[in-house]
Structures are given as structure tokens and as C-alpha cells.
Amino acid sequence: MPVPIIIDCDPGHDDALAIMLAAGDPAVDLLAITTVAGNQTLDKTTLNARRVCTVAGITDVPIAAGCGRPLVQALSVAEDVHGVSGLDGPMFPEPTVDVVPEHAVDLIHRMLNGHPEPVTLVPTAPLTNIALLLTRFPQDASRIREIVLMGGSTERGNRTPAAEFNILTDPEAADIVFRSGVPVTMCGLNVTHQALATPEVVARFEGLGTPLGDMCAELLTFFASTYRTLWGFPHPPLHDPVAVARVIDPGLVHCVDANVVVELHGRYTRGATVVDLLRDVDRPVNARVAVGLETDRFWDRMIAAVTALGARTPRERG
């Protein structure tokens, strides 16, 4: 049976492909998409979720907007990575998919309690919505099968030397999630940097011969340009779909058990995920931490999902 999931995201180029993977792969049942401020402001990330669903023909999945700022600190967006719109590159048609008139946290709460089995949450963004859910509705923890998130790192960061963007944007929220007692799987930079969108991968999307495949190629081409400029990467890593892939087939993403704490106070290390891979400290395991990716099979699932969605949306792009 497909695993029921809710994606909490801030599209974002890699969030866009994570949505497509979740909607196009039969191993998961995408119940809802919720948005949060992160890569861009909440109005832009929500518009981008609507755009992605419109072009991918995802018309039966509710979208709800959530928190517009982190719990404590001011919002700092990633315009240098994702552009002014948060999803620069392609020309999108006017979205025809709308949001539901419900806060993201309320929608997640309602869906958790209305579904016959526990639901997996897949946050690919700052964890503000998820932390607020766990704070407002602590009883919902028993309705969550697990939280499989993209964020953090066992090594270096990408927004500061120590911290990855999603965790750094709202460290207090991340701290709440990792201390919640809900099963957590962390897919951090150390594993997502193995999901490189090489020219061969981009050519596979172009080779699909569909408007959706072409749009994915355009998204990755823009993403490649910013990664090359900012960090000198020859190919951009596709972070967020790795978390979805872990739910689709746990064998795609190899994990180890570890204790993870979020640094809240360090002058140079705020937002860092301190991962005890060697069990050096006397703290209990509270997370599965991704360390390896079956790269070829990952891209096969990604291409297959976009192929499936593209077959349902043969219309011309506007």
C-alpha cells in the first residue's frame, strides 16, 4: 500500500521536483502540500507550489499556506540561490490550482486525525510549521508515522560554515522537532550532495519530450548556474527529493542511528546539527541520519515520476 505523506515545503527548485516525485511515484500517497517561508517569502513559496501543481497536473492535492516567519528570528531568504521569485528560470503559466482557506498547521492536524493510519511528514523547508504543530497539538505525535526531513548535515553547512539553510532559518523549530520523540530521519547535505544533476541527468529530462520534462530541465539549468556562481559546483545537488526517495524506498537512502542536537547559541555555529555518528557522548539515539544514496536508482525514480506526470499533462505550456 502507498505510504500516506504530507510535504511541507518552500519551493524552491529542489522542492518543486520533490513535489513531482511525491505526486508521480505510486509508492506514496500525497495527501497535502503545505508551505512555509524559507527560500522565499510565504506568498512566493505558496505561489510557487501552485505553479508546480498547475504545470504537473496535480489538481487533487490541497495546498495550504503556513508560517510567514521563523519562531524567533527574522526571516532571511535564499534569493541568491533561487532567484527573486524563488523559482526563477522557466516561464510559468498563470496557476489554476488554488490554496485552501486553512492554515497549514490546522490542515496537517486535521489530516493526521482524519486518516485511518499514521501519516509520514516530509518537511523540505525550515521546520516552523512542524514545530508549531507539535507545540499546539502535542497529541498529534502519535498520529505521525515519522518525520523524514531535508536539512542539516553531518559535515559542513551551506549557509554558514557550520549550518545548513533549512535548520539555520529556524533553529528553534528544528530543536523542537529533534526533541519531540517522534521518529525522525535527517537527510542532510552529506547525502544530498550525492544527488548531482549532471548534464546527463538534465538530458534525460529533456529526452522525455514533454513540456514537464523540459520545465524540469530549465529548473535544473537555472539551479546549476547559481550553484556554480556561489560555490563553484560543476553540477547542482538536488536536495529535497532525497527525503521523498527515502519514504518511497528506504533502500535508496542508507541511514545510521545517531543522536542529533541543534546548536542554538554558538556565535559561529548557530543552526548546526551536531551529529554523534561515533556514539561518543552519553545522549540517546533520536534520529536516523542519512549517509549514502543509491544515485542511479534515485534518478530512475525521479525520471519515472516526471514521466508519469507528463503523460497526464500533454497540453502546451502557457
C-alpha atoms as a PDB file:
ATOM      1  CA  MET A   1       0.000   0.000   0.000  1.00  0.00           C
ATOM      2  CA  PRO A   2       1.258   3.526  -0.738  1.00  0.00           C
ATOM      3  CA  VAL A   3       2.657   5.414   2.255  1.00  0.00           C
ATOM      4  CA  PRO A   4       0.487   8.456   3.086  1.00  0.00           C
ATOM      5  CA  ILE A   5       2.602  11.612   3.249  1.00  0.00           C
ATOM      6  CA  ILE A   6       2.309  15.360   3.621  1.00  0.00           C
ATOM      7  CA  ILE A   7       5.042  17.540   2.124  1.00  0.00           C
ATOM      8  CA  ASP A   8       5.865  20.767   3.954  1.00  0.00           C
ATOM      9  CA  CYS A   9       7.959  22.911   1.616  1.00  0.00           C
ATOM     10  CA  ASP A  10       9.223  26.312   0.464  1.00  0.00           C
ATOM     11  CA  PRO A  11       9.523  25.973  -3.341  1.00  0.00           C
ATOM     12  CA  GLY A  12      12.438  26.386  -4.358  1.00  0.00           C
ATOM     13  CA  HIS A  13      13.800  24.455  -7.332  1.00  0.00           C
ATOM     14  CA  ASP A  14      14.529  21.259  -5.447  1.00  0.00           C
ATOM     15  CA  ASP A  15      11.205  21.458  -3.565  1.00  0.00           C
ATOM     16  CA  ALA A  16       9.480  21.632  -6.957  1.00  0.00           C
ATOM     17  CA  LEU A  17      10.992  18.328  -8.020  1.00  0.00           C
ATOM     18  CA  ALA A  18      10.281  16.819  -4.600  1.00  0.00           C
ATOM     19  CA  ILE A  19       6.595  17.605  -5.130  1.00  0.00           C
ATOM     20  CA  MET A  20       6.706  15.971  -8.559  1.00  0.00           C
ATOM     21  CA  LEU A  21       8.429  12.876  -7.208  1.00  0.00           C
ATOM     22  CA  ALA A  22       5.826  12.503  -4.468  1.00  0.00           C
ATOM     23  CA  ALA A  23       2.902  13.060  -6.826  1.00  0.00           C
ATOM     24  CA  GLY A  24       4.235  10.855  -9.610  1.00  0.00           C
ATOM     25  CA  ASP A  25       5.557   7.815  -7.726  1.00  0.00           C
ATOM     26  CA  PRO A  26       2.979   5.139  -6.853  1.00  0.00           C
ATOM     27  CA  ALA A  27       4.781   4.135  -3.645  1.00  0.00           C
ATOM     28  CA  VAL A  28       3.462   7.209  -1.798  1.00  0.00           C
ATOM     29  CA  ASP A  29       0.056   8.824  -1.444  1.00  0.00           C
ATOM     30  CA  LEU A  30       0.470  12.606  -1.380  1.00  0.00           C
ATOM     31  CA  LEU A  31      -2.290  13.847   0.916  1.00  0.00           C
ATOM     32  CA  ALA A  32      -1.412  17.548   1.054  1.00  0.00           C
ATOM     33  CA  ILE A  33       1.216  20.184   0.335  1.00  0.00           C
ATOM     34  CA  THR A  34       1.873  22.859   2.931  1.00  0.00           C
ATOM     35  CA  THR A  35       4.105  25.882   2.536  1.00  0.00           C
ATOM     36  CA  VAL A  36       6.307  27.950   4.808  1.00  0.00           C
ATOM     37  CA  ALA A  37       8.608  30.934   4.458  1.00  0.00           C
ATOM     38  CA  GLY A  38      12.172  29.930   3.689  1.00  0.00           C
ATOM     39  CA  ASN A  39      13.717  30.033   0.246  1.00  0.00           C
ATOM     40  CA  GLN A  40      11.441  32.996  -0.327  1.00  0.00           C
ATOM     41  CA  THR A  41       8.636  34.778   1.479  1.00  0.00           C
ATOM     42  CA  LEU A  42       5.464  32.838   2.217  1.00  0.00           C
ATOM     43  CA  ASP A  43       3.441  34.466  -0.548  1.00  0.00           C
ATOM     44  CA  LYS A  44       6.095  33.488  -3.101  1.00  0.00           C
ATOM     45  CA  THR A  45       6.631  29.927  -1.879  1.00  0.00           C
ATOM     46  CA  THR A  46       2.870  29.376  -1.856  1.00  0.00           C
ATOM     47  CA  LEU A  47       2.520  30.798  -5.363  1.00  0.00           C
ATOM     48  CA  ASN A  48       5.340  28.512  -6.471  1.00  0.00           C
ATOM     49  CA  ALA A  49       3.613  25.445  -5.029  1.00  0.00           C
ATOM     50  CA  ARG A  50       0.509  26.420  -7.011  1.00  0.00           C
ATOM     51  CA  ARG A  51       2.621  26.876 -10.135  1.00  0.00           C
ATOM     52  CA  VAL A  52       4.261  23.479  -9.793  1.00  0.00           C
ATOM     53  CA  CYS A  53       0.950  21.724  -9.222  1.00  0.00           C
ATOM     54  CA  THR A  54      -0.580  23.510 -12.195  1.00  0.00           C
ATOM     55  CA  VAL A  55       2.131  22.555 -14.689  1.00  0.00           C
ATOM     56  CA  ALA A  56       2.387  18.999 -13.313  1.00  0.00           C
ATOM     57  CA  GLY A  57      -1.362  18.417 -13.368  1.00  0.00           C
ATOM     58  CA  ILE A  58      -1.542  17.896  -9.594  1.00  0.00           C
ATOM     59  CA  THR A  59      -5.100  19.113  -9.116  1.00  0.00           C
ATOM     60  CA  ASP A  60      -6.433  16.827  -6.379  1.00  0.00           C
ATOM     61  CA  VAL A  61      -3.953  17.643  -3.586  1.00  0.00           C
ATOM     62  CA  PRO A  62      -4.839  20.513  -1.221  1.00  0.00           C
ATOM     63  CA  ILE A  63      -2.273  23.286  -0.722  1.00  0.00           C
ATOM     64  CA  ALA A  64      -2.250  25.334   2.485  1.00  0.00           C
ATOM     65  CA  ALA A  65      -0.035  28.249   3.456  1.00  0.00           C
ATOM     66  CA  GLY A  66       1.591  28.219   6.862  1.00  0.00           C
ATOM     67  CA  CYS A  67       4.021  30.335   8.853  1.00  0.00           C
ATOM     68  CA  GLY A  68       5.420  33.517   7.327  1.00  0.00           C
ATOM     69  CA  ARG A  69       8.442  33.827   9.602  1.00  0.00           C
ATOM     70  CA  PRO A  70      10.597  31.711  11.920  1.00  0.00           C
ATOM     71  CA  LEU A  71       9.603  31.213  15.557  1.00  0.00           C
ATOM     72  CA  VAL A  72      12.194  33.623  16.991  1.00  0.00           C
ATOM     73  CA  GLN A  73      14.486  35.288  14.487  1.00  0.00           C
ATOM     74  CA  ALA A  74      13.825  37.377  11.392  1.00  0.00           C
ATOM     75  CA  LEU A  75      13.392  35.647   8.042  1.00  0.00           C
ATOM     76  CA  SER A  76      16.383  35.565   5.698  1.00  0.00           C
ATOM     77  CA  VAL A  77      15.518  34.162   2.268  1.00  0.00           C
ATOM     78  CA  ALA A  78      17.750  32.440  -0.298  1.00  0.00           C
ATOM     79  CA  GLU A  79      17.195  34.807  -3.209  1.00  0.00           C
ATOM     80  CA  ASP A  80      20.823  34.348  -4.282  1.00  0.00           C
ATOM     81  CA  VAL A  81      20.136  30.639  -4.843  1.00  0.00           C
ATOM     82  CA  HIS A  82      16.538  30.504  -6.089  1.00  0.00           C
ATOM     83  CA  GLY A  83      16.063  33.964  -7.578  1.00  0.00           C
ATOM     84  CA  VAL A  84      13.629  36.797  -6.970  1.00  0.00           C
ATOM     85  CA  SER A  85      10.593  34.571  -7.476  1.00  0.00           C
ATOM     86  CA  GLY A  86      12.048  31.647  -5.555  1.00  0.00           C
ATOM     87  CA  LEU A  87      11.623  29.567  -8.706  1.00  0.00           C
ATOM     88  CA  ASP A  88      13.488  31.514 -11.377  1.00  0.00           C
ATOM     89  CA  GLY A  89      14.226  30.021 -14.784  1.00  0.00           C
ATOM     90  CA  PRO A  90      11.080  28.770 -16.542  1.00  0.00           C
ATOM     91  CA  MET A  91       8.150  30.907 -17.615  1.00  0.00           C
ATOM     92  CA  PHE A  92       5.139  29.619 -15.690  1.00  0.00           C
ATOM     93  CA  PRO A  93       1.528  29.958 -16.823  1.00  0.00           C
ATOM     94  CA  GLU A  94      -0.984  31.576 -14.526  1.00  0.00           C
ATOM     95  CA  PRO A  95      -1.692  28.965 -11.835  1.00  0.00           C
ATOM     96  CA  THR A  96      -5.090  27.321 -11.878  1.00  0.00           C
ATOM     97  CA  VAL A  97      -4.585  25.375  -8.639  1.00  0.00           C
ATOM     98  CA  ASP A  98      -5.542  27.429  -5.593  1.00  0.00           C
ATOM     99  CA  VAL A  99      -4.895  27.194  -1.871  1.00  0.00           C
ATOM    100  CA  VAL A 100      -7.452  26.039   0.672  1.00  0.00           C
ATOM    101  CA  PRO A 101      -8.649  28.633   3.236  1.00  0.00           C
ATOM    102  CA  GLU A 102      -6.929  26.916   6.143  1.00  0.00           C
ATOM    103  CA  HIS A 103      -3.613  27.434   7.915  1.00  0.00           C
ATOM    104  CA  ALA A 104      -1.075  24.744   7.103  1.00  0.00           C
ATOM    105  CA  VAL A 105      -0.806  23.630  10.733  1.00  0.00           C
ATOM    106  CA  ASP A 106      -4.575  23.241  11.009  1.00  0.00           C
ATOM    107  CA  LEU A 107      -4.684  21.283   7.743  1.00  0.00           C
ATOM    108  CA  ILE A 108      -1.939  18.906   8.886  1.00  0.00           C
ATOM    109  CA  HIS A 109      -3.691  18.458  12.249  1.00  0.00           C
ATOM    110  CA  ARG A 110      -6.999  17.685  10.541  1.00  0.00           C
ATOM    111  CA  MET A 111      -5.449  15.228   8.101  1.00  0.00           C
ATOM    112  CA  LEU A 112      -3.466  13.417  10.770  1.00  0.00           C
ATOM    113  CA  ASN A 113      -6.580  12.870  12.811  1.00  0.00           C
ATOM    114  CA  GLY A 114      -8.822  12.041   9.864  1.00  0.00           C
ATOM    115  CA  HIS A 115      -6.579   9.442   8.244  1.00  0.00           C
ATOM    116  CA  PRO A 116      -7.051   5.778   9.159  1.00  0.00           C
ATOM    117  CA  GLU A 117      -3.315   5.200   9.628  1.00  0.00           C
ATOM    118  CA  PRO A 118      -0.359   7.277  10.835  1.00  0.00           C
ATOM    119  CA  VAL A 119       0.981   9.732   8.249  1.00  0.00           C
ATOM    120  CA  THR A 120       4.592  10.493   7.334  1.00  0.00           C
ATOM    121  CA  LEU A 121       5.552  14.175   7.294  1.00  0.00           C
ATOM    122  CA  VAL A 122       8.221  15.173   4.753  1.00  0.00           C
ATOM    123  CA  PRO A 123       9.485  18.691   5.519  1.00  0.00           C
ATOM    124  CA  THR A 124      11.854  20.027   2.869  1.00  0.00           C
ATOM    125  CA  ALA A 125      11.973  23.523   4.352  1.00  0.00           C
ATOM    126  CA  PRO A 126      12.527  25.313   7.654  1.00  0.00           C
ATOM    127  CA  LEU A 127      10.671  23.354  10.332  1.00  0.00           C
ATOM    128  CA  THR A 128       8.463  26.198  11.599  1.00  0.00           C
ATOM    129  CA  ASN A 129       5.137  24.607  10.638  1.00  0.00           C
ATOM    130  CA  ILE A 130       6.088  21.216  12.053  1.00  0.00           C
ATOM    131  CA  ALA A 131       7.326  22.675  15.336  1.00  0.00           C
ATOM    132  CA  LEU A 132       4.142  24.710  15.704  1.00  0.00           C
ATOM    133  CA  LEU A 133       2.063  21.592  15.040  1.00  0.00           C
ATOM    134  CA  LEU A 134       3.907  19.637  17.740  1.00  0.00           C
ATOM    135  CA  THR A 135       3.587  22.551  20.182  1.00  0.00           C
ATOM    136  CA  ARG A 136      -0.093  23.308  19.593  1.00  0.00           C
ATOM    137  CA  PHE A 137      -1.217  19.711  19.192  1.00  0.00           C
ATOM    138  CA  PRO A 138       1.194  17.508  21.159  1.00  0.00           C
ATOM    139  CA  GLN A 139      -1.285  14.636  20.968  1.00  0.00           C
ATOM    140  CA  ASP A 140      -0.710  14.537  17.194  1.00  0.00           C
ATOM    141  CA  ALA A 141       2.719  12.975  17.736  1.00  0.00           C
ATOM    142  CA  SER A 142       1.036   9.570  17.965  1.00  0.00           C
ATOM    143  CA  ARG A 143      -0.577  10.132  14.549  1.00  0.00           C
ATOM    144  CA  ILE A 144       2.772  10.761  12.833  1.00  0.00           C
ATOM    145  CA  ARG A 145       4.449   7.657  11.479  1.00  0.00           C
ATOM    146  CA  GLU A 146       7.747   9.513  11.130  1.00  0.00           C
ATOM    147  CA  ILE A 147       9.245  12.819  10.070  1.00  0.00           C
ATOM    148  CA  VAL A 148      11.624  12.481   7.131  1.00  0.00           C
ATOM    149  CA  LEU A 149      13.236  15.857   6.644  1.00  0.00           C
ATOM    150  CA  MET A 150      15.753  17.518   4.365  1.00  0.00           C
ATOM    151  CA  GLY A 151      18.038  19.601   6.480  1.00  0.00           C
ATOM    152  CA  GLY A 152      21.213  19.684   8.461  1.00  0.00           C
ATOM    153  CA  SER A 153      24.494  17.932   7.759  1.00  0.00           C
ATOM    154  CA  THR A 154      26.952  15.568   9.371  1.00  0.00           C
ATOM    155  CA  GLU A 155      29.719  17.750   7.968  1.00  0.00           C
ATOM    156  CA  ARG A 156      29.788  21.405   6.882  1.00  0.00           C
ATOM    157  CA  GLY A 157      26.923  23.760   6.195  1.00  0.00           C
ATOM    158  CA  ASN A 158      25.901  25.689   3.115  1.00  0.00           C
ATOM    159  CA  ARG A 159      24.650  28.961   4.636  1.00  0.00           C
ATOM    160  CA  THR A 160      27.426  29.270   7.173  1.00  0.00           C
ATOM    161  CA  PRO A 161      30.466  27.021   7.558  1.00  0.00           C
ATOM    162  CA  ALA A 162      28.548  25.088  10.219  1.00  0.00           C
ATOM    163  CA  ALA A 163      24.867  25.363   9.326  1.00  0.00           C
ATOM    164  CA  GLU A 164      22.581  24.202   6.524  1.00  0.00           C
ATOM    165  CA  PHE A 165      19.916  26.633   5.294  1.00  0.00           C
ATOM    166  CA  ASN A 166      16.708  24.920   6.459  1.00  0.00           C
ATOM    167  CA  ILE A 167      17.958  24.409  10.002  1.00  0.00           C
ATOM    168  CA  LEU A 168      19.651  27.818  10.236  1.00  0.00           C
ATOM    169  CA  THR A 169      16.500  29.616   9.098  1.00  0.00           C
ATOM    170  CA  ASP A 170      14.638  28.386  12.180  1.00  0.00           C
ATOM    171  CA  PRO A 171      16.939  26.610  14.657  1.00  0.00           C
ATOM    172  CA  GLU A 172      14.403  26.768  17.484  1.00  0.00           C
ATOM    173  CA  ALA A 173      11.853  24.929  15.348  1.00  0.00           C
ATOM    174  CA  ALA A 174      14.419  22.282  14.409  1.00  0.00           C
ATOM    175  CA  ASP A 175      15.290  21.835  18.082  1.00  0.00           C
ATOM    176  CA  ILE A 176      11.634  21.179  18.895  1.00  0.00           C
ATOM    177  CA  VAL A 177      11.369  18.564  16.148  1.00  0.00           C
ATOM    178  CA  PHE A 178      14.518  16.659  17.085  1.00  0.00           C
ATOM    179  CA  ARG A 179      13.498  16.637  20.766  1.00  0.00           C
ATOM    180  CA  SER A 180       9.868  15.676  20.069  1.00  0.00           C
ATOM    181  CA  GLY A 181      10.196  11.913  20.449  1.00  0.00           C
ATOM    182  CA  VAL A 182       8.640  11.410  17.005  1.00  0.00           C
ATOM    183  CA  PRO A 183      10.806   9.144  14.808  1.00  0.00           C
ATOM    184  CA  VAL A 184      12.987  11.477  12.702  1.00  0.00           C
ATOM    185  CA  THR A 185      15.097  10.740   9.642  1.00  0.00           C
ATOM    186  CA  MET A 186      17.520  13.515   8.666  1.00  0.00           C
ATOM    187  CA  CYS A 187      18.595  13.740   5.031  1.00  0.00           C
ATOM    188  CA  GLY A 188      21.347  16.326   5.208  1.00  0.00           C
ATOM    189  CA  LEU A 189      23.855  17.884   2.847  1.00  0.00           C
ATOM    190  CA  ASN A 190      26.269  14.996   3.270  1.00  0.00           C
ATOM    191  CA  VAL A 191      23.827  12.727   1.404  1.00  0.00           C
ATOM    192  CA  THR A 192      22.002  15.229  -0.837  1.00  0.00           C
ATOM    193  CA  HIS A 193      25.327  16.315  -2.331  1.00  0.00           C
ATOM    194  CA  GLN A 194      25.416  12.818  -3.822  1.00  0.00           C
ATOM    195  CA  ALA A 195      22.300  13.631  -5.916  1.00  0.00           C
ATOM    196  CA  LEU A 196      24.057  15.712  -8.552  1.00  0.00           C
ATOM    197  CA  ALA A 197      22.075  16.901 -11.570  1.00  0.00           C
ATOM    198  CA  THR A 198      24.758  16.300 -14.184  1.00  0.00           C
ATOM    199  CA  PRO A 199      24.332  17.236 -17.845  1.00  0.00           C
ATOM    200  CA  GLU A 200      23.428  13.591 -18.472  1.00  0.00           C
ATOM    201  CA  VAL A 201      20.591  13.859 -15.943  1.00  0.00           C
ATOM    202  CA  VAL A 202      19.326  17.105 -17.475  1.00  0.00           C
ATOM    203  CA  ALA A 203      19.428  15.413 -20.899  1.00  0.00           C
ATOM    204  CA  ARG A 204      17.236  12.619 -19.553  1.00  0.00           C
ATOM    205  CA  PHE A 205      14.555  15.158 -18.604  1.00  0.00           C
ATOM    206  CA  GLU A 206      14.841  16.841 -21.999  1.00  0.00           C
ATOM    207  CA  GLY A 207      14.635  13.441 -23.650  1.00  0.00           C
ATOM    208  CA  LEU A 208      11.186  12.820 -22.214  1.00  0.00           C
ATOM    209  CA  GLY A 209       9.819  15.058 -24.964  1.00  0.00           C
ATOM    210  CA  THR A 210       7.144  16.590 -22.730  1.00  0.00           C
ATOM    211  CA  PRO A 211       6.563  20.157 -21.543  1.00  0.00           C
ATOM    212  CA  LEU A 212       7.011  18.971 -17.954  1.00  0.00           C
ATOM    213  CA  GLY A 213      10.325  17.289 -18.735  1.00  0.00           C
ATOM    214  CA  ASP A 214      11.527  20.452 -20.456  1.00  0.00           C
ATOM    215  CA  MET A 215      10.493  22.535 -17.456  1.00  0.00           C
ATOM    216  CA  CYS A 216      12.433  20.277 -15.093  1.00  0.00           C
ATOM    217  CA  ALA A 217      15.482  20.723 -17.311  1.00  0.00           C
ATOM    218  CA  GLU A 218      15.041  24.505 -17.194  1.00  0.00           C
ATOM    219  CA  LEU A 219      14.721  24.447 -13.403  1.00  0.00           C
ATOM    220  CA  LEU A 220      17.909  22.417 -13.069  1.00  0.00           C
ATOM    221  CA  THR A 221      19.768  24.610 -15.548  1.00  0.00           C
ATOM    222  CA  PHE A 222      18.980  27.743 -13.522  1.00  0.00           C
ATOM    223  CA  PHE A 223      19.827  25.931 -10.275  1.00  0.00           C
ATOM    224  CA  ALA A 224      23.143  24.863 -11.788  1.00  0.00           C
ATOM    225  CA  SER A 225      24.020  28.443 -12.651  1.00  0.00           C
ATOM    226  CA  THR A 226      23.595  29.700  -9.079  1.00  0.00           C
ATOM    227  CA  TYR A 227      25.471  26.769  -7.562  1.00  0.00           C
ATOM    228  CA  ARG A 228      28.318  27.326  -9.998  1.00  0.00           C
ATOM    229  CA  THR A 229      28.444  31.049  -9.180  1.00  0.00           C
ATOM    230  CA  LEU A 230      28.098  30.777  -5.406  1.00  0.00           C
ATOM    231  CA  TRP A 231      30.012  27.630  -4.565  1.00  0.00           C
ATOM    232  CA  GLY A 232      31.842  26.520  -7.696  1.00  0.00           C
ATOM    233  CA  PHE A 233      29.830  23.309  -8.012  1.00  0.00           C
ATOM    234  CA  PRO A 234      30.127  21.839 -11.520  1.00  0.00           C
ATOM    235  CA  HIS A 235      26.663  20.258 -11.045  1.00  0.00           C
ATOM    236  CA  PRO A 236      23.885  21.239  -8.614  1.00  0.00           C
ATOM    237  CA  PRO A 237      22.760  18.854  -5.864  1.00  0.00           C
ATOM    238  CA  LEU A 238      19.044  18.100  -5.814  1.00  0.00           C
ATOM    239  CA  HIS A 239      18.471  18.149  -2.068  1.00  0.00           C
ATOM    240  CA  ASP A 240      14.777  17.856  -1.286  1.00  0.00           C
ATOM    241  CA  PRO A 241      13.711  14.845  -3.404  1.00  0.00           C
ATOM    242  CA  VAL A 242      16.161  12.713  -1.418  1.00  0.00           C
ATOM    243  CA  ALA A 243      13.833  12.909   1.590  1.00  0.00           C
ATOM    244  CA  VAL A 244      10.897  11.804  -0.565  1.00  0.00           C
ATOM    245  CA  ALA A 245      13.022   8.993  -2.015  1.00  0.00           C
ATOM    246  CA  ARG A 246      13.742   7.698   1.489  1.00  0.00           C
ATOM    247  CA  VAL A 247       9.988   7.258   2.037  1.00  0.00           C
ATOM    248  CA  ILE A 248       9.381   5.759  -1.412  1.00  0.00           C
ATOM    249  CA  ASP A 249      12.059   3.098  -0.923  1.00  0.00           C
ATOM    250  CA  PRO A 250      14.148   3.152   2.259  1.00  0.00           C
ATOM    251  CA  GLY A 251      16.809   1.156   0.418  1.00  0.00           C
ATOM    252  CA  LEU A 252      17.523   4.174  -1.783  1.00  0.00           C
ATOM    253  CA  VAL A 253      18.890   6.174   1.152  1.00  0.00           C
ATOM    254  CA  HIS A 254      21.169   4.433   3.638  1.00  0.00           C
ATOM    255  CA  CYS A 255      20.912   5.619   7.238  1.00  0.00           C
ATOM    256  CA  VAL A 256      22.580   5.105  10.600  1.00  0.00           C
ATOM    257  CA  ASP A 257      21.193   5.712  14.063  1.00  0.00           C
ATOM    258  CA  ALA A 258      22.631   8.690  15.923  1.00  0.00           C
ATOM    259  CA  ASN A 259      21.948  11.456  18.382  1.00  0.00           C
ATOM    260  CA  VAL A 260      21.331  14.834  16.757  1.00  0.00           C
ATOM    261  CA  VAL A 261      21.150  18.135  18.592  1.00  0.00           C
ATOM    262  CA  VAL A 262      20.689  21.596  17.107  1.00  0.00           C
ATOM    263  CA  GLU A 263      23.104  24.312  18.208  1.00  0.00           C
ATOM    264  CA  LEU A 264      21.109  27.357  19.302  1.00  0.00           C
ATOM    265  CA  HIS A 265      23.655  29.627  20.928  1.00  0.00           C
ATOM    266  CA  GLY A 266      27.036  29.314  19.230  1.00  0.00           C
ATOM    267  CA  ARG A 267      28.419  32.575  17.897  1.00  0.00           C
ATOM    268  CA  TYR A 268      29.748  30.814  14.801  1.00  0.00           C
ATOM    269  CA  THR A 269      27.766  27.584  14.921  1.00  0.00           C
ATOM    270  CA  ARG A 270      24.111  28.567  15.468  1.00  0.00           C
ATOM    271  CA  GLY A 271      21.917  26.269  13.388  1.00  0.00           C
ATOM    272  CA  ALA A 272      24.490  23.467  13.157  1.00  0.00           C
ATOM    273  CA  THR A 273      23.293  19.889  13.536  1.00  0.00           C
ATOM    274  CA  VAL A 274      25.674  18.169  15.934  1.00  0.00           C
ATOM    275  CA  VAL A 275      25.536  14.514  14.865  1.00  0.00           C
ATOM    276  CA  ASP A 276      27.118  11.893  17.109  1.00  0.00           C
ATOM    277  CA  LEU A 277      27.951   9.290  14.463  1.00  0.00           C
ATOM    278  CA  LEU A 278      30.521   7.561  16.663  1.00  0.00           C
ATOM    279  CA  ARG A 279      28.350   7.432  19.816  1.00  0.00           C
ATOM    280  CA  ASP A 280      30.982   9.443  21.667  1.00  0.00           C
ATOM    281  CA  VAL A 281      28.593  11.182  24.055  1.00  0.00           C
ATOM    282  CA  ASP A 282      26.076   9.881  26.540  1.00  0.00           C
ATOM    283  CA  ARG A 283      22.974  11.001  24.682  1.00  0.00           C
ATOM    284  CA  PRO A 284      20.277   8.644  23.385  1.00  0.00           C
ATOM    285  CA  VAL A 285      19.695   7.993  19.693  1.00  0.00           C
ATOM    286  CA  ASN A 286      16.937  10.321  18.474  1.00  0.00           C
ATOM    287  CA  ALA A 287      17.279  10.131  14.688  1.00  0.00           C
ATOM    288  CA  ARG A 288      18.150   8.115  11.675  1.00  0.00           C
ATOM    289  CA  VAL A 289      20.796  10.014   9.745  1.00  0.00           C
ATOM    290  CA  ALA A 290      21.198   9.518   6.001  1.00  0.00           C
ATOM    291  CA  VAL A 291      24.747   8.778   4.891  1.00  0.00           C
ATOM    292  CA  GLY A 292      24.501   7.175   1.442  1.00  0.00           C
ATOM    293  CA  LEU A 293      22.394   7.380  -1.711  1.00  0.00           C
ATOM    294  CA  GLU A 294      21.778   4.819  -4.444  1.00  0.00           C
ATOM    295  CA  THR A 295      22.291   7.548  -7.024  1.00  0.00           C
ATOM    296  CA  ASP A 296      21.369   5.745 -10.237  1.00  0.00           C
ATOM    297  CA  ARG A 297      18.191   4.271  -8.794  1.00  0.00           C
ATOM    298  CA  PHE A 298      17.299   7.640  -7.278  1.00  0.00           C
ATOM    299  CA  TRP A 299      17.430   9.336 -10.668  1.00  0.00           C
ATOM    300  CA  ASP A 300      15.488   6.458 -12.247  1.00  0.00           C
ATOM    301  CA  ARG A 301      12.633   7.051  -9.778  1.00  0.00           C
ATOM    302  CA  MET A 302      12.799  10.801 -10.344  1.00  0.00           C
ATOM    303  CA  ILE A 303      12.613  10.416 -14.121  1.00  0.00           C
ATOM    304  CA  ALA A 304       9.835   7.826 -13.866  1.00  0.00           C
ATOM    305  CA  ALA A 305       7.735  10.147 -11.690  1.00  0.00           C
ATOM    306  CA  VAL A 306       8.077  13.075 -14.093  1.00  0.00           C
ATOM    307  CA  THR A 307       7.315  10.721 -16.987  1.00  0.00           C
ATOM    308  CA  ALA A 308       4.106   9.600 -15.270  1.00  0.00           C
ATOM    309  CA  LEU A 309       3.020  13.166 -14.555  1.00  0.00           C
ATOM    310  CA  GLY A 310       3.952  14.292 -18.065  1.00  0.00           C
ATOM    311  CA  ALA A 311       1.773  11.590 -19.560  1.00  0.00           C
ATOM    312  CA  ARG A 312      -1.188  13.032 -17.671  1.00  0.00           C
ATOM    313  CA  THR A 313      -0.456  16.612 -18.789  1.00  0.00           C
ATOM    314  CA  PRO A 314       0.103  16.630 -22.567  1.00  0.00           C
ATOM    315  CA  ARG A 315      -1.135  20.184 -23.003  1.00  0.00           C
ATOM    316  CA  GLU A 316       1.045  23.015 -24.248  1.00  0.00           C
ATOM    317  CA  ARG A 317       2.786  25.221 -21.751  1.00  0.00           C
ATOM    318  CA  GLY A 318       1.425  28.732 -21.455  1.00  0.00           C
END
